[in-house]
Amino acid sequence: MKAFRLDELEAERAANDGAYLQFLKERNMSAGLYALDAGDSDPQTPHHEDEIYFVVSGRAAITVGMETTQVARGSVVHVPAGTAHKFHHISEDLRVLVVFSPPES
């Protein structure tokens, strides 16, 4: 078993000066913590893996392909592999748990 605390992951991510911290990589999946502060731009490009985003905190909009929705704490969004997607209109600091399957390459 591997267990993680979000506050510790956030501290590690912040200490490494990056928006993304991968904290788990297994044969069939990987997971990370993604952070964008209010007003930030999301630099993502499409990934080769399916993704699940679980919003831990914050508020924003996300566009996946041609669809846009508002997200906040508790929102879950699936992004199919190869699909363009971006968070935008980030009104509160956004912290998102990301799961990739297969693992992010």
Protein backbone atom coordinates (compact mmCIF):
# COMPACT_ATOMS: atom_id res chain seq x y z
CA MET A 1 0.00 0.00 0.00
CA LYS A 2 1.01 3.57 -0.66
CA ALA A 3 -0.74 6.40 1.14
CA PHE A 4 -0.40 10.14 0.57
CA ARG A 5 -1.49 13.35 2.31
CA LEU A 6 -2.53 16.21 0.08
CA ASP A 7 -0.93 18.83 2.33
CA GLU A 8 2.43 17.02 2.09
CA LEU A 9 2.11 16.62 -1.68
CA GLU A 10 1.29 20.32 -2.05
CA ALA A 11 4.33 21.26 0.07
CA GLU A 12 6.60 19.05 -2.06
CA ARG A 13 5.15 20.44 -5.29
CA ALA A 14 5.61 24.03 -4.11
CA ALA A 15 9.18 23.34 -2.94
CA ASN A 16 10.06 22.10 -6.43
CA ASP A 17 8.70 25.28 -8.08
CA GLY A 18 6.55 23.36 -10.52
CA ALA A 19 2.86 23.29 -11.36
CA TYR A 20 2.83 19.46 -11.47
CA LEU A 21 4.13 16.82 -9.07
CA GLN A 22 3.91 13.19 -10.12
CA PHE A 23 3.73 11.22 -6.88
CA LEU A 24 2.80 7.76 -8.16
CA LYS A 25 3.76 5.72 -11.21
CA GLU A 26 2.64 2.13 -11.62
CA ARG A 27 2.40 -0.26 -14.55
CA ASN A 28 -1.15 0.75 -15.52
CA MET A 29 -1.51 4.30 -14.18
CA SER A 30 0.19 7.33 -12.71
CA ALA A 31 -1.06 10.13 -10.47
CA GLY A 32 -0.03 13.67 -9.73
CA LEU A 33 -1.03 16.96 -8.19
CA TYR A 34 -1.54 19.89 -10.58
CA ALA A 35 -1.66 23.48 -9.35
CA LEU A 36 -2.68 26.66 -11.12
CA ASP A 37 -3.13 29.90 -9.21
CA ALA A 38 -5.95 32.36 -9.81
CA GLY A 39 -5.34 34.19 -13.07
CA ASP A 40 -2.75 31.68 -14.36
CA SER A 41 -2.77 30.30 -17.90
CA ASP A 42 -2.82 26.52 -18.35
CA PRO A 43 0.05 25.48 -20.67
CA GLN A 44 -1.15 21.90 -21.25
CA THR A 45 -1.15 20.19 -24.61
CA PRO A 46 -3.01 16.95 -25.40
CA HIS A 47 -1.64 13.83 -23.70
CA HIS A 48 -1.29 10.31 -25.09
CA GLU A 49 -3.10 8.91 -22.03
CA ASP A 50 -6.68 9.08 -20.74
CA GLU A 51 -6.94 11.41 -17.75
CA ILE A 52 -9.21 11.88 -14.78
CA TYR A 53 -9.14 15.25 -13.01
CA PHE A 54 -10.50 15.49 -9.47
CA VAL A 55 -10.68 19.09 -8.24
CA VAL A 56 -9.44 19.24 -4.66
CA SER A 57 -9.88 23.00 -4.31
CA GLY A 58 -10.40 26.15 -6.33
CA ARG A 59 -12.68 27.32 -9.12
CA ALA A 60 -12.17 27.50 -12.88
CA ALA A 61 -13.59 26.54 -16.22
CA ILE A 62 -12.24 23.67 -18.28
CA THR A 63 -12.61 23.16 -21.99
CA VAL A 64 -12.23 19.62 -23.31
CA GLY A 65 -12.47 19.42 -27.08
CA MET A 66 -15.41 21.70 -27.90
CA GLU A 67 -17.15 21.42 -24.49
CA THR A 68 -16.70 23.81 -21.56
CA THR A 69 -17.87 23.41 -17.98
CA GLN A 70 -17.28 25.08 -14.64
CA VAL A 71 -15.35 23.12 -12.01
CA ALA A 72 -14.92 23.51 -8.26
CA ARG A 73 -14.04 21.35 -5.26
CA GLY A 74 -15.40 17.86 -5.84
CA SER A 75 -15.69 18.09 -9.64
CA VAL A 76 -14.46 15.11 -11.67
CA VAL A 77 -13.63 15.42 -15.38
CA HIS A 78 -12.54 12.74 -17.85
CA VAL A 79 -10.28 13.79 -20.73
CA PRO A 80 -9.87 11.18 -23.49
CA ALA A 81 -6.35 10.58 -24.80
CA GLY A 82 -5.32 13.00 -27.54
CA THR A 83 -8.05 15.55 -26.78
CA ALA A 84 -7.15 19.25 -26.46
CA HIS A 85 -8.02 20.58 -22.99
CA LYS A 86 -7.27 23.57 -20.79
CA PHE A 87 -8.31 25.09 -17.50
CA HIS A 88 -9.13 28.80 -17.84
CA HIS A 89 -10.89 31.64 -16.03
CA ILE A 90 -9.23 30.41 -12.84
CA SER A 91 -10.90 32.51 -10.16
CA GLU A 92 -9.59 30.66 -7.08
CA ASP A 93 -6.25 28.82 -6.75
CA LEU A 94 -6.81 25.42 -8.35
CA ARG A 95 -5.45 22.14 -6.96
CA VAL A 96 -6.28 19.06 -9.01
CA LEU A 97 -5.52 15.39 -8.51
CA VAL A 98 -4.68 13.91 -11.92
CA VAL A 99 -4.77 10.20 -12.81
CA PHE A 100 -3.29 9.02 -16.12
CA SER A 101 -3.93 5.62 -17.65
CA PRO A 102 -1.69 4.18 -18.90
CA PRO A 103 1.02 6.00 -16.90
CA GLU A 104 2.11 9.37 -18.19
CA SER A 105 5.04 8.92 -20.55
